[in-house]
PDB file of N, CA and C in Angstrom:
ATOM      1  N   MET A   1      31.784 -41.948   1.899  1.00  0.00           N
ATOM      2  CA  MET A   1      32.443 -41.098   1.441  1.00  0.00           C
ATOM      3  C   MET A   1      33.579 -41.181   0.727  1.00  0.00           C
ATOM      4  N   GLU A   2      34.400 -41.204  -0.422  1.00  0.00           N
ATOM      5  CA  GLU A   2      35.211 -41.332  -1.001  1.00  0.00           C
ATOM      6  C   GLU A   2      36.245 -40.601  -0.631  1.00  0.00           C
ATOM      7  N   LYS A   3      37.470 -40.940  -0.655  1.00  0.00           N
ATOM      8  CA  LYS A   3      38.781 -39.869  -0.409  1.00  0.00           C
ATOM      9  C   LYS A   3      38.803 -38.772  -0.641  1.00  0.00           C
ATOM     10  N   ASN A   4      38.339 -37.971  -1.750  1.00  0.00           N
ATOM     11  CA  ASN A   4      38.474 -36.706  -2.496  1.00  0.00           C
ATOM     12  C   ASN A   4      37.206 -35.994  -1.776  1.00  0.00           C
ATOM     13  N   ASP A   5      36.171 -36.653  -0.763  1.00  0.00           N
ATOM     14  CA  ASP A   5      35.057 -35.582  -0.572  1.00  0.00           C
ATOM     15  C   ASP A   5      35.129 -35.817   1.258  1.00  0.00           C
ATOM     16  N   ALA A   6      34.458 -34.555   1.328  1.00  0.00           N
ATOM     17  CA  ALA A   6      34.677 -33.864   2.897  1.00  0.00           C
ATOM     18  C   ALA A   6      33.897 -33.029   3.363  1.00  0.00           C
ATOM     19  N   GLN A   7      33.281 -33.211   4.560  1.00  0.00           N
ATOM     20  CA  GLN A   7      32.466 -32.366   5.069  1.00  0.00           C
ATOM     21  C   GLN A   7      32.109 -32.322   6.462  1.00  0.00           C
ATOM     22  N   VAL A   8      32.240 -30.951   6.666  1.00  0.00           N
ATOM     23  CA  VAL A   8      32.153 -30.280   8.376  1.00  0.00           C
ATOM     24  C   VAL A   8      31.460 -30.799   9.060  1.00  0.00           C
ATOM     25  N   LEU A   9      30.767 -31.137  10.598  1.00  0.00           N
ATOM     26  CA  LEU A   9      30.129 -31.316  11.260  1.00  0.00           C
ATOM     27  C   LEU A   9      28.998 -30.509  11.210  1.00  0.00           C
ATOM     28  N   GLY A  10      27.880 -31.465  11.274  1.00  0.00           N
ATOM     29  CA  GLY A  10      26.616 -30.530  11.055  1.00  0.00           C
ATOM     30  C   GLY A  10      26.632 -30.128   9.871  1.00  0.00           C
ATOM     31  N   ASP A  11      26.867 -30.118   8.780  1.00  0.00           N
ATOM     32  CA  ASP A  11      26.363 -29.394   7.496  1.00  0.00           C
ATOM     33  C   ASP A  11      26.078 -30.539   6.757  1.00  0.00           C
ATOM     34  N   THR A  12      24.981 -30.349   5.554  1.00  0.00           N
ATOM     35  CA  THR A  12      23.944 -31.177   5.039  1.00  0.00           C
ATOM     36  C   THR A  12      24.938 -31.916   4.021  1.00  0.00           C
ATOM     37  N   ASN A  13      26.063 -30.890   3.083  1.00  0.00           N
ATOM     38  CA  ASN A  13      26.593 -30.896   2.171  1.00  0.00           C
ATOM     39  C   ASN A  13      27.762 -31.191   2.027  1.00  0.00           C
ATOM     40  N   VAL A  14      27.871 -32.156   0.804  1.00  0.00           N
ATOM     41  CA  VAL A  14      29.520 -32.667   0.792  1.00  0.00           C
ATOM     42  C   VAL A  14      30.164 -32.031  -0.168  1.00  0.00           C
ATOM     43  N   TYR A  15      31.380 -31.745  -0.500  1.00  0.00           N
ATOM     44  CA  TYR A  15      32.274 -30.947  -1.092  1.00  0.00           C
ATOM     45  C   TYR A  15      33.141 -32.383  -1.629  1.00  0.00           C
ATOM     46  N   GLU A  16      33.934 -31.940  -3.003  1.00  0.00           N
ATOM     47  CA  GLU A  16      35.200 -32.750  -3.404  1.00  0.00           C
ATOM     48  C   GLU A  16      35.863 -31.806  -4.106  1.00  0.00           C
ATOM     49  N   ILE A  17      37.312 -32.486  -3.814  1.00  0.00           N
ATOM     50  CA  ILE A  17      38.388 -31.801  -5.394  1.00  0.00           C
ATOM     51  C   ILE A  17      37.900 -31.523  -5.997  1.00  0.00           C
ATOM     52  N   ALA A  18      37.988 -30.317  -6.842  1.00  0.00           N
ATOM     53  CA  ALA A  18      37.549 -30.095  -8.266  1.00  0.00           C
ATOM     54  C   ALA A  18      38.050 -30.930  -8.980  1.00  0.00           C
ATOM     55  N   PRO A  19      38.326 -31.391 -10.191  1.00  0.00           N
ATOM     56  CA  PRO A  19      38.590 -32.492 -10.751  1.00  0.00           C
ATOM     57  C   PRO A  19      39.701 -31.928 -11.538  1.00  0.00           C
ATOM     58  N   ASP A  20      39.777 -30.696 -12.005  1.00  0.00           N
ATOM     59  CA  ASP A  20      41.020 -29.981 -12.675  1.00  0.00           C
ATOM     60  C   ASP A  20      41.727 -28.975 -11.640  1.00  0.00           C
ATOM     61  N   VAL A  21      41.303 -28.971 -10.487  1.00  0.00           N
ATOM     62  CA  VAL A  21      42.562 -28.139  -9.490  1.00  0.00           C
ATOM     63  C   VAL A  21      43.736 -28.413  -9.910  1.00  0.00           C
ATOM     64  N   LYS A  22      44.728 -27.306  -9.590  1.00  0.00           N
ATOM     65  CA  LYS A  22      46.365 -27.281  -9.631  1.00  0.00           C
ATOM     66  C   LYS A  22      46.905 -26.551  -8.607  1.00  0.00           C
ATOM     67  N   LYS A  23      47.941 -27.362  -8.258  1.00  0.00           N
ATOM     68  CA  LYS A  23      48.584 -26.526  -7.209  1.00  0.00           C
ATOM     69  C   LYS A  23      48.308 -25.203  -7.315  1.00  0.00           C
ATOM     70  N   TYR A  24      48.549 -24.582  -8.702  1.00  0.00           N
ATOM     71  CA  TYR A  24      48.853 -23.026  -8.378  1.00  0.00           C
ATOM     72  C   TYR A  24      47.880 -22.245  -8.133  1.00  0.00           C
ATOM     73  N   SER A  25      46.209 -22.961  -8.478  1.00  0.00           N
ATOM     74  CA  SER A  25      44.999 -22.504  -8.310  1.00  0.00           C
ATOM     75  C   SER A  25      44.913 -22.651  -6.570  1.00  0.00           C
ATOM     76  N   LEU A  26      45.481 -23.856  -5.933  1.00  0.00           N
ATOM     77  CA  LEU A  26      45.372 -23.604  -4.826  1.00  0.00           C
ATOM     78  C   LEU A  26      46.274 -22.686  -4.015  1.00  0.00           C
ATOM     79  N   LEU A  27      46.976 -22.087  -4.293  1.00  0.00           N
ATOM     80  CA  LEU A  27      48.204 -21.205  -3.830  1.00  0.00           C
ATOM     81  C   LEU A  27      47.166 -19.885  -3.895  1.00  0.00           C
ATOM     82  N   ASP A  28      46.550 -20.151  -5.053  1.00  0.00           N
ATOM     83  CA  ASP A  28      45.981 -18.579  -5.343  1.00  0.00           C
ATOM     84  C   ASP A  28      44.903 -18.078  -4.488  1.00  0.00           C
ATOM     85  N   ALA A  29      44.376 -19.160  -4.065  1.00  0.00           N
ATOM     86  CA  ALA A  29      42.752 -19.315  -3.086  1.00  0.00           C
ATOM     87  C   ALA A  29      42.896 -19.212  -1.545  1.00  0.00           C
ATOM     88  N   GLY A  30      44.661 -19.204  -1.501  1.00  0.00           N
ATOM     89  CA  GLY A  30      44.879 -18.841  -0.009  1.00  0.00           C
ATOM     90  C   GLY A  30      45.504 -19.990   0.291  1.00  0.00           C
ATOM     91  N   PHE A  31      45.573 -21.352  -0.024  1.00  0.00           N
ATOM     92  CA  PHE A  31      46.269 -22.053   1.121  1.00  0.00           C
ATOM     93  C   PHE A  31      47.656 -22.173   1.146  1.00  0.00           C
ATOM     94  N   PHE A  32      48.239 -22.556   1.501  1.00  0.00           N
ATOM     95  CA  PHE A  32      49.522 -22.647   1.833  1.00  0.00           C
ATOM     96  C   PHE A  32      50.582 -24.114   1.935  1.00  0.00           C
ATOM     97  N   GLU A  33      51.673 -24.501   1.197  1.00  0.00           N
ATOM     98  CA  GLU A  33      52.076 -25.829   1.316  1.00  0.00           C
ATOM     99  C   GLU A  33      52.744 -26.154   2.232  1.00  0.00           C
ATOM    100  N   SER A  34      52.502 -26.888   3.111  1.00  0.00           N
ATOM    101  CA  SER A  34      52.979 -27.635   4.376  1.00  0.00           C
ATOM    102  C   SER A  34      54.376 -28.106   3.858  1.00  0.00           C
ATOM    103  N   ASN A  35      55.327 -28.601   5.213  1.00  0.00           N
ATOM    104  CA  ASN A  35      56.301 -29.312   4.726  1.00  0.00           C
ATOM    105  C   ASN A  35      56.508 -30.407   4.298  1.00  0.00           C
ATOM    106  N   ARG A  36      55.279 -30.926   4.499  1.00  0.00           N
ATOM    107  CA  ARG A  36      54.961 -32.652   3.398  1.00  0.00           C
ATOM    108  C   ARG A  36      54.642 -32.655   1.981  1.00  0.00           C
ATOM    109  N   GLY A  37      54.451 -31.394   1.742  1.00  0.00           N
ATOM    110  CA  GLY A  37      53.625 -31.441   0.299  1.00  0.00           C
ATOM    111  C   GLY A  37      51.935 -31.116   0.619  1.00  0.00           C
ATOM    112  N   ASN A  38      51.685 -31.048   1.785  1.00  0.00           N
ATOM    113  CA  ASN A  38      50.297 -30.813   1.576  1.00  0.00           C
ATOM    114  C   ASN A  38      49.625 -29.465   1.528  1.00  0.00           C
ATOM    115  N   PHE A  39      48.339 -29.118   1.102  1.00  0.00           N
ATOM    116  CA  PHE A  39      48.047 -27.879   0.713  1.00  0.00           C
ATOM    117  C   PHE A  39      46.965 -27.703   2.202  1.00  0.00           C
ATOM    118  N   ARG A  40      47.056 -26.885   2.890  1.00  0.00           N
ATOM    119  CA  ARG A  40      46.371 -26.408   4.082  1.00  0.00           C
ATOM    120  C   ARG A  40      46.022 -24.799   3.914  1.00  0.00           C
ATOM    121  N   LEU A  41      44.174 -24.463   4.637  1.00  0.00           N
ATOM    122  CA  LEU A  41      43.495 -23.130   4.139  1.00  0.00           C
ATOM    123  C   LEU A  41      42.889 -23.238   5.638  1.00  0.00           C
ATOM    124  N   GLU A  42      43.184 -22.120   6.327  1.00  0.00           N
ATOM    125  CA  GLU A  42      43.128 -22.087   7.854  1.00  0.00           C
ATOM    126  C   GLU A  42      42.470 -20.584   7.881  1.00  0.00           C
ATOM    127  N   ARG A  43      41.036 -20.235   8.170  1.00  0.00           N
ATOM    128  CA  ARG A  43      40.384 -19.204   7.694  1.00  0.00           C
ATOM    129  C   ARG A  43      39.617 -18.952   9.169  1.00  0.00           C
ATOM    130  N   PRO A  44      39.599 -17.805   9.633  1.00  0.00           N
ATOM    131  CA  PRO A  44      38.670 -17.039  10.833  1.00  0.00           C
ATOM    132  C   PRO A  44      37.322 -17.336  10.410  1.00  0.00           C
ATOM    133  N   ILE A  45      36.164 -17.801  11.111  1.00  0.00           N
ATOM    134  CA  ILE A  45      35.058 -17.584  10.877  1.00  0.00           C
ATOM    135  C   ILE A  45      34.414 -16.809  12.131  1.00  0.00           C
ATOM    136  N   SER A  46      33.525 -15.831  11.509  1.00  0.00           N
ATOM    137  CA  SER A  46      33.463 -14.809  12.496  1.00  0.00           C
ATOM    138  C   SER A  46      32.351 -14.081  11.600  1.00  0.00           C
ATOM    139  N   GLY A  47      31.117 -13.739  12.378  1.00  0.00           N
ATOM    140  CA  GLY A  47      30.203 -13.211  11.518  1.00  0.00           C
ATOM    141  C   GLY A  47      30.759 -11.378  11.822  1.00  0.00           C
ATOM    142  N   THR A  48      31.353 -11.050  12.721  1.00  0.00           N
ATOM    143  CA  THR A  48      31.295 -10.000  12.795  1.00  0.00           C
ATOM    144  C   THR A  48      32.674  -9.178  12.610  1.00  0.00           C
ATOM    145  N   SER A  49      33.850 -10.117  12.973  1.00  0.00           N
ATOM    146  CA  SER A  49      35.327  -9.021  13.193  1.00  0.00           C
ATOM    147  C   SER A  49      36.029 -10.494  12.980  1.00  0.00           C
ATOM    148  N   PRO A  50      37.014 -10.651  11.758  1.00  0.00           N
ATOM    149  CA  PRO A  50      38.110 -11.566  11.798  1.00  0.00           C
ATOM    150  C   PRO A  50      38.921 -12.119  13.191  1.00  0.00           C
ATOM    151  N   TYR A  51      39.452 -10.596  13.658  1.00  0.00           N
ATOM    152  CA  TYR A  51      40.141 -10.660  14.594  1.00  0.00           C
ATOM    153  C   TYR A  51      39.170 -11.186  16.080  1.00  0.00           C
ATOM    154  N   ASP A  52      38.133 -11.201  16.167  1.00  0.00           N
ATOM    155  CA  ASP A  52      37.361 -11.719  17.364  1.00  0.00           C
ATOM    156  C   ASP A  52      36.562 -13.488  17.081  1.00  0.00           C
ATOM    157  N   ALA A  53      37.282 -13.795  16.095  1.00  0.00           N
ATOM    158  CA  ALA A  53      36.943 -15.234  15.632  1.00  0.00           C
ATOM    159  C   ALA A  53      36.345 -16.221  16.921  1.00  0.00           C
ATOM    160  N   ARG A  54      35.397 -16.585  16.823  1.00  0.00           N
ATOM    161  CA  ARG A  54      35.599 -17.650  17.660  1.00  0.00           C
ATOM    162  C   ARG A  54      35.372 -19.218  17.011  1.00  0.00           C
ATOM    163  N   TYR A  55      35.328 -19.445  15.783  1.00  0.00           N
ATOM    164  CA  TYR A  55      35.849 -20.739  14.818  1.00  0.00           C
ATOM    165  C   TYR A  55      36.843 -20.319  13.801  1.00  0.00           C
ATOM    166  N   MET A  56      37.599 -21.618  13.785  1.00  0.00           N
ATOM    167  CA  MET A  56      38.532 -21.693  12.293  1.00  0.00           C
ATOM    168  C   MET A  56      37.667 -22.902  11.266  1.00  0.00           C
ATOM    169  N   LEU A  57      38.034 -22.280   9.759  1.00  0.00           N
ATOM    170  CA  LEU A  57      37.968 -23.523   8.788  1.00  0.00           C
ATOM    171  C   LEU A  57      38.977 -23.872   8.543  1.00  0.00           C
ATOM    172  N   LYS A  58      39.146 -25.036   8.502  1.00  0.00           N
ATOM    173  CA  LYS A  58      40.562 -25.871   8.480  1.00  0.00           C
ATOM    174  C   LYS A  58      40.360 -26.927   7.010  1.00  0.00           C
ATOM    175  N   ILE A  59      40.683 -26.645   5.945  1.00  0.00           N
ATOM    176  CA  ILE A  59      40.767 -27.406   4.866  1.00  0.00           C
ATOM    177  C   ILE A  59      42.439 -27.884   4.715  1.00  0.00           C
ATOM    178  N   THR A  60      42.351 -29.144   4.572  1.00  0.00           N
ATOM    179  CA  THR A  60      43.414 -29.911   4.075  1.00  0.00           C
ATOM    180  C   THR A  60      43.613 -30.891   2.543  1.00  0.00           C
ATOM    181  N   ILE A  61      44.060 -30.852   1.830  1.00  0.00           N
ATOM    182  CA  ILE A  61      44.236 -31.361   0.423  1.00  0.00           C
ATOM    183  C   ILE A  61      46.079 -32.058   0.398  1.00  0.00           C
ATOM    184  N   ASN A  62      45.288 -33.108   0.150  1.00  0.00           N
ATOM    185  CA  ASN A  62      46.783 -33.732   0.159  1.00  0.00           C
ATOM    186  C   ASN A  62      47.785 -33.377  -1.143  1.00  0.00           C
ATOM    187  N   ALA A  63      48.919 -33.718  -0.784  1.00  0.00           N
ATOM    188  CA  ALA A  63      50.216 -33.697  -2.034  1.00  0.00           C
ATOM    189  C   ALA A  63      49.700 -34.247  -3.471  1.00  0.00           C
ATOM    190  N   ASN A  64      49.202 -35.216  -3.290  1.00  0.00           N
ATOM    191  CA  ASN A  64      48.366 -36.042  -4.836  1.00  0.00           C
ATOM    192  C   ASN A  64      47.453 -35.021  -5.432  1.00  0.00           C
ATOM    193  N   LEU A  65      46.511 -34.306  -4.402  1.00  0.00           N
ATOM    194  CA  LEU A  65      45.763 -33.433  -5.074  1.00  0.00           C
ATOM    195  C   LEU A  65      44.332 -34.761  -5.100  1.00  0.00           C
ATOM    196  N   ASP A  66      44.403 -35.337  -4.251  1.00  0.00           N
ATOM    197  CA  ASP A  66      43.131 -36.824  -4.342  1.00  0.00           C
ATOM    198  C   ASP A  66      42.886 -37.008  -3.100  1.00  0.00           C
ATOM    199  N   GLY A  67      43.026 -36.329  -2.008  1.00  0.00           N
ATOM    200  CA  GLY A  67      42.646 -36.621  -1.101  1.00  0.00           C
ATOM    201  C   GLY A  67      41.713 -35.104   0.026  1.00  0.00           C
ATOM    202  N   MET A  68      40.814 -35.343   0.873  1.00  0.00           N
ATOM    203  CA  MET A  68      40.924 -33.708   1.067  1.00  0.00           C
ATOM    204  C   MET A  68      40.140 -34.120   2.782  1.00  0.00           C
ATOM    205  N   ARG A  69      40.424 -33.074   3.844  1.00  0.00           N
ATOM    206  CA  ARG A  69      39.272 -33.191   5.304  1.00  0.00           C
ATOM    207  C   ARG A  69      39.128 -31.658   5.217  1.00  0.00           C
ATOM    208  N   MET A  70      38.281 -31.589   5.953  1.00  0.00           N
ATOM    209  CA  MET A  70      37.744 -30.220   6.308  1.00  0.00           C
ATOM    210  C   MET A  70      36.899 -30.420   8.015  1.00  0.00           C
ATOM    211  N   ALA A  71      37.239 -29.417   8.297  1.00  0.00           N
ATOM    212  CA  ALA A  71      36.549 -29.070   9.944  1.00  0.00           C
ATOM    213  C   ALA A  71      36.625 -27.469  10.231  1.00  0.00           C
ATOM    214  N   ILE A  72      35.216 -27.708  11.221  1.00  0.00           N
ATOM    215  CA  ILE A  72      35.622 -26.188  11.686  1.00  0.00           C
ATOM    216  C   ILE A  72      35.774 -26.888  13.170  1.00  0.00           C
ATOM    217  N   THR A  73      36.677 -25.575  13.942  1.00  0.00           N
ATOM    218  CA  THR A  73      37.345 -25.957  15.357  1.00  0.00           C
ATOM    219  C   THR A  73      37.619 -24.724  16.214  1.00  0.00           C
ATOM    220  N   ASP A  74      37.235 -24.845  16.884  1.00  0.00           N
ATOM    221  CA  ASP A  74      37.620 -23.776  18.132  1.00  0.00           C
ATOM    222  C   ASP A  74      38.754 -23.188  17.906  1.00  0.00           C
ATOM    223  N   LYS A  75      38.954 -21.776  18.526  1.00  0.00           N
ATOM    224  CA  LYS A  75      40.438 -20.964  18.195  1.00  0.00           C
ATOM    225  C   LYS A  75      41.825 -21.718  18.129  1.00  0.00           C
ATOM    226  N   SER A  76      41.944 -22.825  19.377  1.00  0.00           N
ATOM    227  CA  SER A  76      42.539 -23.588  19.452  1.00  0.00           C
ATOM    228  C   SER A  76      42.866 -23.993  18.143  1.00  0.00           C
ATOM    229  N   GLY A  77      42.164 -24.548  17.279  1.00  0.00           N
ATOM    230  CA  GLY A  77      42.303 -25.775  16.081  1.00  0.00           C
ATOM    231  C   GLY A  77      42.256 -27.139  17.009  1.00  0.00           C
ATOM    232  N   LEU A  78      41.557 -27.316  17.963  1.00  0.00           N
ATOM    233  CA  LEU A  78      42.256 -28.734  19.015  1.00  0.00           C
ATOM    234  C   LEU A  78      40.534 -29.475  18.726  1.00  0.00           C
ATOM    235  N   HIS A  79      39.662 -28.721  18.798  1.00  0.00           N
ATOM    236  CA  HIS A  79      38.198 -29.716  19.230  1.00  0.00           C
ATOM    237  C   HIS A  79      37.238 -29.223  17.749  1.00  0.00           C
ATOM    238  N   ASN A  80      36.574 -30.413  16.823  1.00  0.00           N
ATOM    239  CA  ASN A  80      36.112 -30.335  16.322  1.00  0.00           C
ATOM    240  C   ASN A  80      34.817 -29.779  16.387  1.00  0.00           C
ATOM    241  N   LEU A  81      33.688 -28.494  16.045  1.00  0.00           N
ATOM    242  CA  LEU A  81      32.433 -28.204  16.257  1.00  0.00           C
ATOM    243  C   LEU A  81      31.767 -28.034  15.684  1.00  0.00           C
ATOM    244  N   ASN A  82      30.107 -28.325  15.813  1.00  0.00           N
ATOM    245  CA  ASN A  82      29.118 -28.259  14.814  1.00  0.00           C
ATOM    246  C   ASN A  82      28.771 -26.744  15.195  1.00  0.00           C
ATOM    247  N   ILE A  83      28.996 -25.762  14.589  1.00  0.00           N
ATOM    248  CA  ILE A  83      28.222 -24.824  14.324  1.00  0.00           C
ATOM    249  C   ILE A  83      26.597 -24.392  14.076  1.00  0.00           C
ATOM    250  N   PHE A  84      26.637 -25.559  13.146  1.00  0.00           N
ATOM    251  CA  PHE A  84      25.263 -25.697  12.976  1.00  0.00           C
ATOM    252  C   PHE A  84      24.036 -25.940  14.401  1.00  0.00           C
ATOM    253  N   LYS A  85      24.777 -26.557  15.210  1.00  0.00           N
ATOM    254  CA  LYS A  85      23.779 -26.634  16.154  1.00  0.00           C
ATOM    255  C   LYS A  85      23.721 -25.440  16.955  1.00  0.00           C
ATOM    256  N   GLY A  86      24.181 -24.547  17.398  1.00  0.00           N
ATOM    257  CA  GLY A  86      24.772 -23.357  18.435  1.00  0.00           C
ATOM    258  C   GLY A  86      23.758 -22.471  17.983  1.00  0.00           C
ATOM    259  N   LYS A  87      23.443 -22.085  19.218  1.00  0.00           N
ATOM    260  CA  LYS A  87      22.222 -21.133  19.379  1.00  0.00           C
ATOM    261  C   LYS A  87      22.344 -19.902  18.838  1.00  0.00           C
ATOM    262  N   ASP A  88      23.254 -19.319  18.754  1.00  0.00           N
ATOM    263  CA  ASP A  88      23.727 -17.270  17.955  1.00  0.00           C
ATOM    264  C   ASP A  88      24.899 -17.594  17.012  1.00  0.00           C
ATOM    265  N   THR A  89      24.903 -18.612  16.154  1.00  0.00           N
ATOM    266  CA  THR A  89      25.808 -18.739  15.099  1.00  0.00           C
ATOM    267  C   THR A  89      25.426 -18.234  13.824  1.00  0.00           C
ATOM    268  N   GLN A  90      24.340 -18.145  13.480  1.00  0.00           N
ATOM    269  CA  GLN A  90      23.666 -17.805  12.264  1.00  0.00           C
ATOM    270  C   GLN A  90      25.103 -17.147  11.435  1.00  0.00           C
ATOM    271  N   SER A  91      25.146 -16.134  11.948  1.00  0.00           N
ATOM    272  CA  SER A  91      26.500 -14.777  10.986  1.00  0.00           C
ATOM    273  C   SER A  91      28.163 -15.835  10.735  1.00  0.00           C
ATOM    274  N   GLU A  92      27.822 -16.514  11.432  1.00  0.00           N
ATOM    275  CA  GLU A  92      29.424 -17.882  11.324  1.00  0.00           C
ATOM    276  C   GLU A  92      28.772 -18.707  10.641  1.00  0.00           C
ATOM    277  N   ILE A  93      27.559 -19.280  10.500  1.00  0.00           N
ATOM    278  CA  ILE A  93      27.257 -20.330   9.134  1.00  0.00           C
ATOM    279  C   ILE A  93      27.034 -18.969   8.222  1.00  0.00           C
ATOM    280  N   ASP A  94      27.110 -17.975   8.079  1.00  0.00           N
ATOM    281  CA  ASP A  94      26.919 -17.433   6.465  1.00  0.00           C
ATOM    282  C   ASP A  94      28.206 -16.835   6.143  1.00  0.00           C
ATOM    283  N   ASP A  95      29.493 -16.656   6.947  1.00  0.00           N
ATOM    284  CA  ASP A  95      30.324 -16.706   6.917  1.00  0.00           C
ATOM    285  C   ASP A  95      31.123 -18.148   6.350  1.00  0.00           C
ATOM    286  N   TYR A  96      30.586 -19.163   6.696  1.00  0.00           N
ATOM    287  CA  TYR A  96      30.996 -19.995   6.532  1.00  0.00           C
ATOM    288  C   TYR A  96      30.610 -20.495   5.074  1.00  0.00           C
ATOM    289  N   LYS A  97      29.136 -20.673   4.814  1.00  0.00           N
ATOM    290  CA  LYS A  97      28.931 -20.324   3.067  1.00  0.00           C
ATOM    291  C   LYS A  97      30.072 -19.569   2.153  1.00  0.00           C
ATOM    292  N   PHE A  98      29.759 -18.265   2.972  1.00  0.00           N
ATOM    293  CA  PHE A  98      30.796 -17.807   2.147  1.00  0.00           C
ATOM    294  C   PHE A  98      32.264 -18.195   1.711  1.00  0.00           C
ATOM    295  N   LEU A  99      32.719 -18.633   2.443  1.00  0.00           N
ATOM    296  CA  LEU A  99      34.363 -19.243   2.213  1.00  0.00           C
ATOM    297  C   LEU A  99      34.182 -20.314   1.185  1.00  0.00           C
ATOM    298  N   ILE A 100      32.657 -21.115   1.480  1.00  0.00           N
ATOM    299  CA  ILE A 100      32.985 -22.235   1.050  1.00  0.00           C
ATOM    300  C   ILE A 100      32.565 -21.807  -0.931  1.00  0.00           C
ATOM    301  N   LYS A 101      31.482 -20.943  -0.904  1.00  0.00           N
ATOM    302  CA  LYS A 101      31.033 -20.350  -2.321  1.00  0.00           C
ATOM    303  C   LYS A 101      32.653 -19.577  -2.897  1.00  0.00           C
ATOM    304  N   TYR A 102      33.286 -19.115  -2.083  1.00  0.00           N
ATOM    305  CA  TYR A 102      34.142 -18.350  -2.634  1.00  0.00           C
ATOM    306  C   TYR A 102      35.806 -19.498  -3.088  1.00  0.00           C
ATOM    307  N   LEU A 103      35.196 -20.411  -2.179  1.00  0.00           N
ATOM    308  CA  LEU A 103      36.299 -21.724  -2.911  1.00  0.00           C
ATOM    309  C   LEU A 103      35.589 -22.828  -4.653  1.00  0.00           C
ATOM    310  N   ILE A 104      34.307 -22.394  -4.022  1.00  0.00           N
ATOM    311  CA  ILE A 104      33.812 -23.082  -5.839  1.00  0.00           C
ATOM    312  C   ILE A 104      33.772 -22.480  -6.643  1.00  0.00           C
ATOM    313  N   GLU A 105      33.801 -20.851  -6.587  1.00  0.00           N
ATOM    314  CA  GLU A 105      34.152 -20.003  -7.327  1.00  0.00           C
ATOM    315  C   GLU A 105      35.354 -20.389  -7.700  1.00  0.00           C
ATOM    316  N   LYS A 106      36.249 -20.460  -6.934  1.00  0.00           N
ATOM    317  CA  LYS A 106      38.009 -20.527  -7.663  1.00  0.00           C
ATOM    318  C   LYS A 106      38.484 -21.748  -8.587  1.00  0.00           C
ATOM    319  N   ASP A 107      37.398 -22.783  -8.338  1.00  0.00           N
ATOM    320  CA  ASP A 107      37.153 -23.724  -8.913  1.00  0.00           C
ATOM    321  C   ASP A 107      38.031 -24.838  -8.152  1.00  0.00           C
ATOM    322  N   VAL A 108      38.421 -24.518  -6.749  1.00  0.00           N
ATOM    323  CA  VAL A 108      39.089 -25.917  -5.776  1.00  0.00           C
ATOM    324  C   VAL A 108      37.653 -26.452  -5.221  1.00  0.00           C
ATOM    325  N   LEU A 109      36.610 -26.563  -4.757  1.00  0.00           N
ATOM    326  CA  LEU A 109      35.768 -27.628  -4.455  1.00  0.00           C
ATOM    327  C   LEU A 109      34.484 -27.455  -5.073  1.00  0.00           C
ATOM    328  N   ILE A 110      33.426 -28.226  -5.456  1.00  0.00           N
ATOM    329  CA  ILE A 110      32.803 -28.670  -5.978  1.00  0.00           C
ATOM    330  C   ILE A 110      32.021 -29.173  -5.233  1.00  0.00           C
ATOM    331  N   LYS A 111      30.568 -29.330  -4.970  1.00  0.00           N
ATOM    332  CA  LYS A 111      29.200 -29.331  -4.411  1.00  0.00           C
ATOM    333  C   LYS A 111      28.495 -30.665  -5.470  1.00  0.00           C
ATOM    334  N   LYS A 112      28.715 -31.715  -3.992  1.00  0.00           N
ATOM    335  CA  LYS A 112      27.885 -33.129  -4.423  1.00  0.00           C
ATOM    336  C   LYS A 112      26.567 -33.075  -4.620  1.00  0.00           C
TER     337      LYS A 112
END
């Protein structure tokens, strides 16, 4: 996988940063700029209520817009999880796919 490619644990799809992505399009899509200049997106993944989310989608794009990391973590954000293996996680998988589709429509990510 290249530097600008990323994949969450268990997902068969690989995503990369859109070649024309700009800082302002990241901010418009919900990313925030960290003190180091990186762009981070943290969204709850919950099939029913975002206030009751068991998982978090975390995406980090570096300041040069040429490197990316993606992960689905537990609520604390410390442990990477594979929601595709879980028994009762279909609603969370649907929510994850919805968030990714949104980022593709906003021209932040493209599917490889």
